[in-house]
Protein backbone atom coordinates (compact mmCIF):
# COMPACT_ATOMS: atom_id res chain seq x y z
CA MET A 1 7.76 21.40 9.76
CA SER A 2 8.25 22.77 6.22
CA SER A 3 8.16 20.59 3.13
CA MET A 4 11.91 21.04 2.65
CA SER A 5 12.59 20.02 6.27
CA ARG A 6 10.40 16.94 5.91
CA ALA A 7 12.23 16.08 2.70
CA ARG A 8 15.62 16.32 4.45
CA VAL A 9 14.50 14.07 7.30
CA ALA A 10 13.05 11.53 4.88
CA ARG A 11 16.24 11.53 2.83
CA ARG A 12 18.37 10.99 5.97
CA ILE A 13 16.26 8.01 7.01
CA ALA A 14 16.29 6.50 3.52
CA ALA A 15 20.04 7.04 3.22
CA GLY A 16 20.56 5.37 6.59
CA ALA A 17 18.50 2.42 5.39
CA ALA A 18 20.47 2.13 2.17
CA TYR A 19 23.91 2.43 3.74
CA GLY A 20 23.37 0.56 6.98
CA GLY A 21 22.83 3.53 9.24
CA GLY A 22 21.54 3.02 12.75
CA GLY A 23 18.64 4.43 14.67
CA ILE A 24 17.79 7.86 13.34
CA GLY A 25 14.89 8.70 15.63
CA LEU A 26 11.45 9.65 14.41
CA VAL A 27 10.83 11.77 17.50
CA GLY A 28 13.17 13.42 19.96
CA ALA A 29 14.48 11.38 22.88
CA ALA A 30 13.01 13.84 25.37
CA ALA A 31 9.53 12.92 24.15
CA VAL A 32 9.90 9.18 24.70
CA GLY A 33 8.80 9.20 28.35
CA VAL A 34 5.66 11.17 27.58
CA LEU A 35 5.00 9.04 24.53
CA LEU A 36 5.17 5.77 26.46
CA ALA A 37 2.89 7.09 29.17
CA GLU A 38 0.34 8.20 26.59
CA VAL A 39 0.59 4.85 24.82
CA ARG A 40 -0.32 3.01 28.00
CA MET A 41 -3.35 5.24 28.42
CA ALA A 42 -4.38 4.88 24.79
CA LYS A 43 -4.23 1.09 24.97
CA ARG A 44 -7.02 1.12 27.52
CA VAL A 45 -9.48 2.47 24.96
CA VAL A 46 -7.95 1.43 21.62
CA GLY A 47 -8.20 -2.13 20.35
CA ASN A 48 -5.17 -4.23 21.31
CA GLY A 49 -5.09 -6.55 18.32
CA ASN A 50 -7.88 -8.75 19.67
CA SER A 51 -10.17 -8.19 16.71
CA PRO A 52 -11.59 -11.29 15.03
CA HIS A 53 -9.25 -12.85 12.50
CA PRO A 54 -9.71 -11.18 9.10
CA PRO A 55 -11.91 -13.07 6.64
CA SER A 56 -10.19 -14.94 3.83
CA ALA A 57 -10.74 -13.16 0.51
CA GLU A 58 -8.47 -15.34 -1.61
CA GLY A 59 -9.93 -16.64 -4.83
CA LEU A 60 -10.96 -15.57 -8.32
CA TYR A 61 -12.64 -12.25 -9.11
CA GLY A 62 -14.30 -11.29 -12.39
CA ARG A 63 -14.70 -14.92 -13.39
CA ALA A 64 -17.40 -13.97 -15.91
CA TYR A 65 -14.83 -12.12 -17.98
CA GLY A 66 -13.00 -15.38 -18.62
CA SER A 67 -16.01 -16.73 -20.49
CA ARG A 68 -16.30 -13.56 -22.56
CA TYR A 69 -12.74 -13.57 -23.83
CA GLY A 70 -11.30 -16.71 -25.36
CA ARG A 71 -8.13 -14.82 -26.28
CA PRO A 72 -5.33 -12.82 -24.63
CA PHE A 73 -6.65 -9.50 -23.38
CA GLY A 74 -5.16 -6.06 -23.88
CA PRO A 75 -1.69 -5.33 -22.54
CA PHE A 76 -1.38 -8.84 -21.11
CA ALA A 77 -1.38 -10.61 -24.48
CA PRO A 78 2.41 -10.71 -24.92
CA HIS A 79 2.80 -12.12 -21.42
CA TYR A 80 -0.07 -14.56 -21.43
CA GLY A 81 0.44 -16.21 -24.82
CA THR A 82 -1.68 -16.63 -27.93
CA ASN A 83 -3.23 -20.09 -27.83
CA GLY A 84 -6.57 -19.41 -26.21
CA PRO A 85 -7.97 -19.52 -22.66
CA SER A 86 -5.61 -22.20 -21.33
CA GLU A 87 -2.70 -19.81 -21.85
CA ASP A 88 -4.67 -16.76 -20.76
CA PRO A 89 -4.54 -17.03 -16.96
CA PRO A 90 -6.00 -14.49 -14.59
CA ILE A 91 -4.07 -11.44 -13.51
CA ARG A 92 -2.27 -12.37 -10.30
CA LEU A 93 -2.64 -9.88 -7.44
CA VAL A 94 -0.96 -10.47 -4.08
CA MET A 95 -1.44 -8.51 -0.85
CA LEU A 96 1.44 -8.28 1.64
CA GLY A 97 1.87 -6.41 4.90
CA ASP A 98 0.09 -6.10 8.23
CA SER A 99 -3.48 -6.23 9.55
CA THR A 100 -4.57 -3.44 7.23
CA ALA A 101 -3.51 -5.43 4.17
CA ALA A 102 -5.15 -8.52 5.66
CA GLY A 103 -8.43 -6.69 6.23
CA GLN A 104 -8.67 -7.02 9.98
CA GLY A 105 -11.69 -5.29 11.50
CA VAL A 106 -14.34 -6.33 8.97
CA HIS A 107 -16.45 -9.49 8.82
CA ARG A 108 -17.00 -10.20 5.12
CA ALA A 109 -14.45 -11.10 2.47
CA ARG A 110 -15.82 -8.51 0.07
CA GLN A 111 -15.07 -5.74 2.58
CA THR A 112 -11.32 -6.37 2.72
CA PRO A 113 -8.95 -4.18 0.70
CA GLY A 114 -7.67 -7.19 -1.23
CA ALA A 115 -11.16 -8.14 -2.39
CA LEU A 116 -12.00 -4.55 -3.27
CA LEU A 117 -8.81 -4.14 -5.30
CA ALA A 118 -9.25 -7.49 -7.05
CA SER A 119 -12.88 -6.68 -7.93
CA GLY A 120 -11.95 -3.23 -9.18
CA LEU A 121 -8.98 -4.48 -11.19
CA ALA A 122 -11.11 -7.18 -12.83
CA ALA A 123 -13.71 -4.57 -13.81
CA VAL A 124 -11.12 -2.21 -15.32
CA ALA A 125 -9.19 -4.94 -17.16
CA GLU A 126 -12.32 -6.93 -18.05
CA HIS A 127 -10.23 -9.92 -17.14
CA PRO A 128 -10.29 -12.38 -14.22
CA VAL A 129 -8.08 -11.58 -11.25
CA GLU A 130 -6.69 -14.16 -8.85
CA LEU A 131 -6.10 -12.81 -5.35
CA ARG A 132 -3.62 -14.20 -2.85
CA ASN A 133 -3.04 -12.65 0.56
CA VAL A 134 0.04 -13.39 2.67
CA ALA A 135 -0.32 -10.37 4.99
CA LEU A 136 -0.04 -11.05 8.72
CA PRO A 137 -1.92 -9.06 11.38
CA GLY A 138 0.60 -7.49 13.74
CA ALA A 139 3.44 -7.73 11.23
CA GLN A 140 6.27 -5.24 11.12
CA SER A 141 8.45 -4.58 8.10
CA ASP A 142 10.94 -7.25 9.12
CA ASP A 143 8.25 -9.87 8.35
CA LEU A 144 8.25 -8.87 4.68
CA ASP A 145 11.25 -11.13 4.00
CA ARG A 146 9.15 -14.16 5.00
CA GLN A 147 6.11 -12.95 3.08
CA VAL A 148 8.09 -12.30 -0.11
CA ALA A 149 9.62 -15.78 0.15
CA LEU A 150 6.08 -17.22 0.19
CA VAL A 151 5.07 -15.14 -2.81
CA LEU A 152 8.10 -16.16 -4.88
CA GLU A 153 8.33 -19.82 -3.86
CA ASP A 154 6.86 -20.91 -7.21
CA PRO A 155 8.82 -19.27 -10.07
CA ALA A 156 6.03 -20.23 -12.48
CA ARG A 157 3.48 -18.14 -10.57
CA VAL A 158 5.15 -14.78 -10.08
CA PRO A 159 2.46 -12.15 -9.38
CA ASP A 160 1.65 -9.50 -11.94
CA VAL A 161 1.25 -6.91 -9.19
CA CYS A 162 1.83 -6.84 -5.44
CA VAL A 163 0.24 -4.37 -3.03
CA ILE A 164 2.07 -3.83 0.28
CA MET A 165 0.52 -2.02 3.25
CA ILE A 166 2.95 -1.75 6.17
CA GLY A 167 4.38 0.63 8.73
CA ALA A 168 1.92 1.29 11.54
CA ASN A 169 3.33 -1.42 13.81
CA ASP A 170 6.85 -0.19 13.11
CA VAL A 171 5.88 3.16 14.64
CA THR A 172 3.92 1.84 17.61
CA ARG A 173 6.62 -0.71 18.47
CA ARG A 174 9.44 1.79 17.89
CA MET A 175 11.33 -0.04 15.17
CA PRO A 176 14.16 2.26 14.00
CA PRO A 177 12.91 3.88 10.77
CA THR A 178 16.15 3.10 8.94
CA ARG A 179 15.61 -0.58 9.67
CA SER A 180 11.96 -0.36 8.66
CA VAL A 181 12.76 1.24 5.31
CA ARG A 182 15.63 -1.19 4.71
CA HIS A 183 13.30 -4.19 5.00
CA LEU A 184 10.65 -2.60 2.79
CA SER A 185 13.18 -1.60 0.12
CA ALA A 186 14.62 -5.12 0.06
CA ALA A 187 11.14 -6.59 -0.37
CA VAL A 188 10.33 -4.27 -3.26
CA ARG A 189 13.68 -5.02 -4.91
CA ARG A 190 13.11 -8.80 -4.74
CA LEU A 191 9.59 -8.55 -6.15
CA ARG A 192 10.62 -6.19 -8.95
CA THR A 193 13.59 -8.38 -9.84
CA ALA A 194 11.20 -11.33 -10.13
CA GLY A 195 9.07 -9.34 -12.57
CA ALA A 196 6.17 -8.13 -10.40
CA GLU A 197 4.89 -4.59 -10.31
CA VAL A 198 4.77 -3.21 -6.75
CA VAL A 199 2.45 -0.62 -5.19
CA VAL A 200 3.00 0.33 -1.55
CA GLY A 201 0.40 2.00 0.64
CA THR A 202 2.69 3.90 2.98
CA CYS A 203 2.37 4.17 6.75
CA PRO A 204 -1.04 5.54 7.76
CA ASP A 205 -1.36 8.61 9.95
CA LEU A 206 -1.65 7.22 13.48
CA GLY A 207 -2.52 10.68 14.75
CA THR A 208 -6.04 10.15 13.44
CA ILE A 209 -6.89 7.39 15.93
CA GLU A 210 -9.74 9.00 17.82
CA PRO A 211 -9.09 7.92 21.43
CA VAL A 212 -5.43 9.06 21.32
CA GLN A 213 -4.89 12.36 23.10
CA GLN A 214 -2.23 15.04 22.85
CA PRO A 215 0.74 15.03 22.90
CA LEU A 216 0.69 11.43 21.61
CA ARG A 217 -1.55 12.42 18.73
CA TRP A 218 0.97 15.00 17.48
CA LEU A 219 3.94 12.69 18.00
CA ALA A 220 2.17 9.81 16.27
CA ARG A 221 1.27 11.99 13.30
CA ARG A 222 4.82 13.29 12.98
CA ALA A 223 6.37 9.82 13.27
CA SER A 224 3.90 8.32 10.80
CA ARG A 225 4.47 10.96 8.17
CA GLN A 226 8.24 10.83 8.52
CA LEU A 227 8.21 7.09 8.03
CA ALA A 228 5.77 7.35 5.10
CA ALA A 229 8.04 9.83 3.33
CA ALA A 230 11.13 7.68 3.92
CA GLN A 231 9.24 4.59 2.71
CA THR A 232 8.36 6.44 -0.48
CA ILE A 233 11.99 7.23 -1.24
CA GLY A 234 13.06 3.63 -0.63
CA VAL A 235 10.24 2.16 -2.72
CA VAL A 236 10.59 4.53 -5.67
CA GLU A 237 14.35 4.00 -5.82
CA GLN A 238 13.68 0.25 -6.18
CA GLY A 239 11.22 0.71 -9.02
CA GLY A 240 7.95 0.58 -7.10
CA ARG A 241 5.12 3.08 -6.72
CA THR A 242 3.62 4.47 -3.54
CA VAL A 243 0.24 5.82 -2.50
CA SER A 244 0.11 7.76 0.75
CA LEU A 245 -2.53 6.35 3.08
CA GLY A 246 -2.23 9.26 5.48
CA ASP A 247 -5.47 9.81 7.37
CA LEU A 248 -7.06 6.85 5.59
CA LEU A 249 -7.19 8.74 2.34
CA GLY A 250 -9.64 11.53 2.71
CA PRO A 251 -10.73 14.59 4.67
CA GLU A 252 -13.96 12.73 5.41
CA PHE A 253 -11.99 10.59 7.85
CA ALA A 254 -11.30 13.51 10.19
CA ALA A 255 -14.94 14.52 9.99
CA ASN A 256 -16.35 11.01 10.49
CA PRO A 257 -13.87 8.97 12.52
CA ARG A 258 -16.54 6.78 14.07
CA GLU A 259 -17.82 5.86 10.61
CA LEU A 260 -14.40 5.06 9.18
CA PHE A 261 -13.02 3.15 12.17
CA GLY A 262 -13.99 -0.40 13.04
CA PRO A 263 -15.43 -1.60 16.35
CA ASP A 264 -11.99 -1.79 18.00
CA ASN A 265 -11.36 1.95 17.34
CA TYR A 266 -8.07 1.05 15.65
CA HIS A 267 -8.62 -0.88 12.43
CA PRO A 268 -10.62 0.61 9.56
CA SER A 269 -14.26 -0.19 9.02
CA ALA A 270 -15.65 -1.44 5.72
CA GLU A 271 -16.13 2.16 4.59
CA GLY A 272 -12.57 2.99 5.62
CA TYR A 273 -11.13 0.12 3.58
CA ALA A 274 -13.31 1.12 0.60
CA THR A 275 -11.90 4.64 0.82
CA ALA A 276 -8.35 3.29 0.81
CA ALA A 277 -9.05 0.93 -2.10
CA MET A 278 -10.50 3.77 -4.16
CA ALA A 279 -7.21 5.62 -3.87
CA ILE A 280 -4.91 2.64 -4.50
CA LEU A 281 -6.79 1.09 -7.44
CA PRO A 282 -5.84 3.74 -10.07
CA THR A 283 -2.15 3.28 -9.23
CA VAL A 284 -2.44 -0.52 -9.48
CA CYS A 285 -4.09 -0.13 -12.89
CA ALA A 286 -1.45 2.36 -14.04
CA ALA A 287 1.32 -0.03 -13.00
CA LEU A 288 -0.24 -2.64 -15.30
CA ASN A 289 -0.68 -0.18 -18.19
CA LEU A 290 -4.45 -0.31 -17.86
CA TRP A 291 -4.96 3.41 -17.35
CA PRO A 292 -5.46 5.79 -20.32
CA ALA A 293 -2.16 7.20 -21.58
CA GLU A 294 -3.38 10.78 -21.18
CA GLU A 295 -3.88 10.14 -17.47
CA GLU A 296 -0.17 9.46 -17.08
CA ARG A 297 0.81 13.00 -18.00
CA PRO A 298 1.04 15.45 -15.09
CA ASP A 299 -2.03 17.63 -14.68
CA VAL A 300 -0.99 21.10 -13.54
CA SER A 301 -4.55 21.86 -12.40
CA ARG A 302 -4.17 19.07 -9.80
CA ARG A 303 -0.69 20.27 -8.79
CA GLU A 304 1.00 17.25 -10.34
CA GLY A 305 4.52 17.31 -11.69
CA PHE A 306 8.14 16.18 -11.55
CA LEU A 307 10.04 16.79 -8.31
CA PRO A 308 13.21 15.53 -6.60
CA VAL A 309 12.15 12.24 -5.03
CA ALA A 310 12.67 13.42 -1.43
CA ARG A 311 10.48 16.48 -1.96
CA ALA A 312 7.82 14.42 -3.74
CA ALA A 313 7.87 11.96 -0.84
CA ALA A 314 7.42 14.72 1.73
CA GLU A 315 4.53 16.28 -0.17
CA ALA A 316 2.84 12.91 -0.61
CA ALA A 317 3.12 12.13 3.11
CA SER A 318 1.28 15.38 3.85
CA GLU A 319 -1.59 14.71 1.43
CA ALA A 320 -3.35 11.38 1.55
CA GLY A 321 -4.02 9.57 -1.70
CA THR A 322 -1.00 10.99 -3.53
CA GLU A 323 1.01 8.70 -5.80
CA VAL A 324 4.77 8.87 -6.31
CA THR A 325 6.54 6.94 -9.07
CA ALA A 326 10.03 7.06 -10.53
CA ALA A 327 10.66 9.48 -13.39
CA MET A 328 13.99 10.77 -14.59
CA PRO A 329 16.88 8.83 -13.02
CA THR A 330 18.95 11.88 -12.09
CA GLY A 331 18.59 15.61 -11.64
CA PRO A 332 20.34 18.54 -9.99
CA ARG A 333 19.24 17.24 -6.57
CA GLY A 334 19.34 13.50 -7.18
CA PRO A 335 16.64 11.15 -8.53
CA TRP A 336 13.36 12.68 -9.64
CA ALA A 337 9.83 11.35 -9.31
CA LEU A 338 6.39 12.03 -10.73
CA LEU A 339 3.83 13.23 -8.19
CA LYS A 340 0.26 12.27 -9.15
CA ARG A 341 -3.04 13.09 -7.49
CA ARG A 342 -5.24 10.62 -9.31
CA ARG A 343 -9.00 10.84 -9.24
CA ARG A 344 -10.39 8.16 -7.00
CA ARG A 345 -12.50 5.45 -8.53
CA ARG A 346 -15.26 3.68 -6.63
CA VAL A 347 -14.69 -0.05 -6.67
CA PRO A 348 -17.27 -2.86 -6.80
CA ALA A 349 -17.53 -5.14 -3.78
CA THR A 350 -17.78 -8.81 -4.71
CA ASP A 351 -17.00 -12.12 -3.06
CA PRO A 352 -14.38 -14.42 -4.57
CA ALA A 353 -15.00 -17.59 -6.51
CA PRO A 354 -12.70 -20.45 -5.57
CA THR A 355 -9.75 -20.98 -7.86
CA THR A 356 -10.39 -24.43 -9.29
CA ALA A 357 -9.19 -26.41 -12.26
CA THR A 358 -12.15 -25.11 -14.21
CA ALA A 359 -11.33 -21.46 -13.54
CA PRO A 360 -9.75 -19.58 -16.47
CA GLY A 361 -6.06 -20.31 -16.59
CA ALA A 362 -6.06 -22.58 -13.56
CA GLN A 363 -4.21 -25.86 -13.86
């Protein structure tokens, strides 16, 4: 399928989500019988959600930075106040989504994507980061309403940035893509209205799951990428940013699937999550104005630039690790977006410190 064709499909799905459209299918109806048969076969060798419960990674990261700075830090000073450490709370990072956001498949807190992002963000900002995770293993996009309600239940503790990873279960459980995108767009809108920045890791490429055979592999890849592109349109139009997870963010995944998958052959391993975090971290930092200004300009040598949002979404879905963010509000073919292929940054892996009354900014 050409980039323009993918863009048209993504736009149709996103439009259906926005205007209450019904079930625009991700794959043709004639393929459903074959797909279901292949799914039953795949379930015999792919993990069925029985992995150990993901480790809790909630807590404070970069606590040492709180003792170094007894003043507001960098771009957060206007928000955090000017009266010393008690009004200089940690950056609040919240993870939402499914088992991937929760970190299912690994055994240590420091191996989860939330911990990796919090550690990396603390190192870049040189400021403590408080991590909360409300993601639910097995969740579909319709669970985001509940998760967002949890995040926003205390108006005094609105997150600075939220990272959402969702979509795989929508594909495997055949949720209509218009419905999936509608729920995700509503979640992003509520979080942005509350004042949080939002970064969404779009639907991963399910065609990379090693035990899955053809034709399910091809159908899964097509469905995943179509949903990822439609998610991108919905998120960007609500003021969020997306990073395409694709084949778990790197050509090394196709070459080393056993290394980047966990023991259940379905969820990522520690190395897989680290690869994903390396791609998402630069976008999280950019959303918080922590990235150098020169990095925000499109780099032609990396094929970055301004495109109609549907085309940018289609290109991002085809190339893992690509960021899409809103740019000019209108253009000849509708809203435009900035397509970025940021350089990945290796992130430190640390365990959290508990958030206590003695932690910086904690009350």
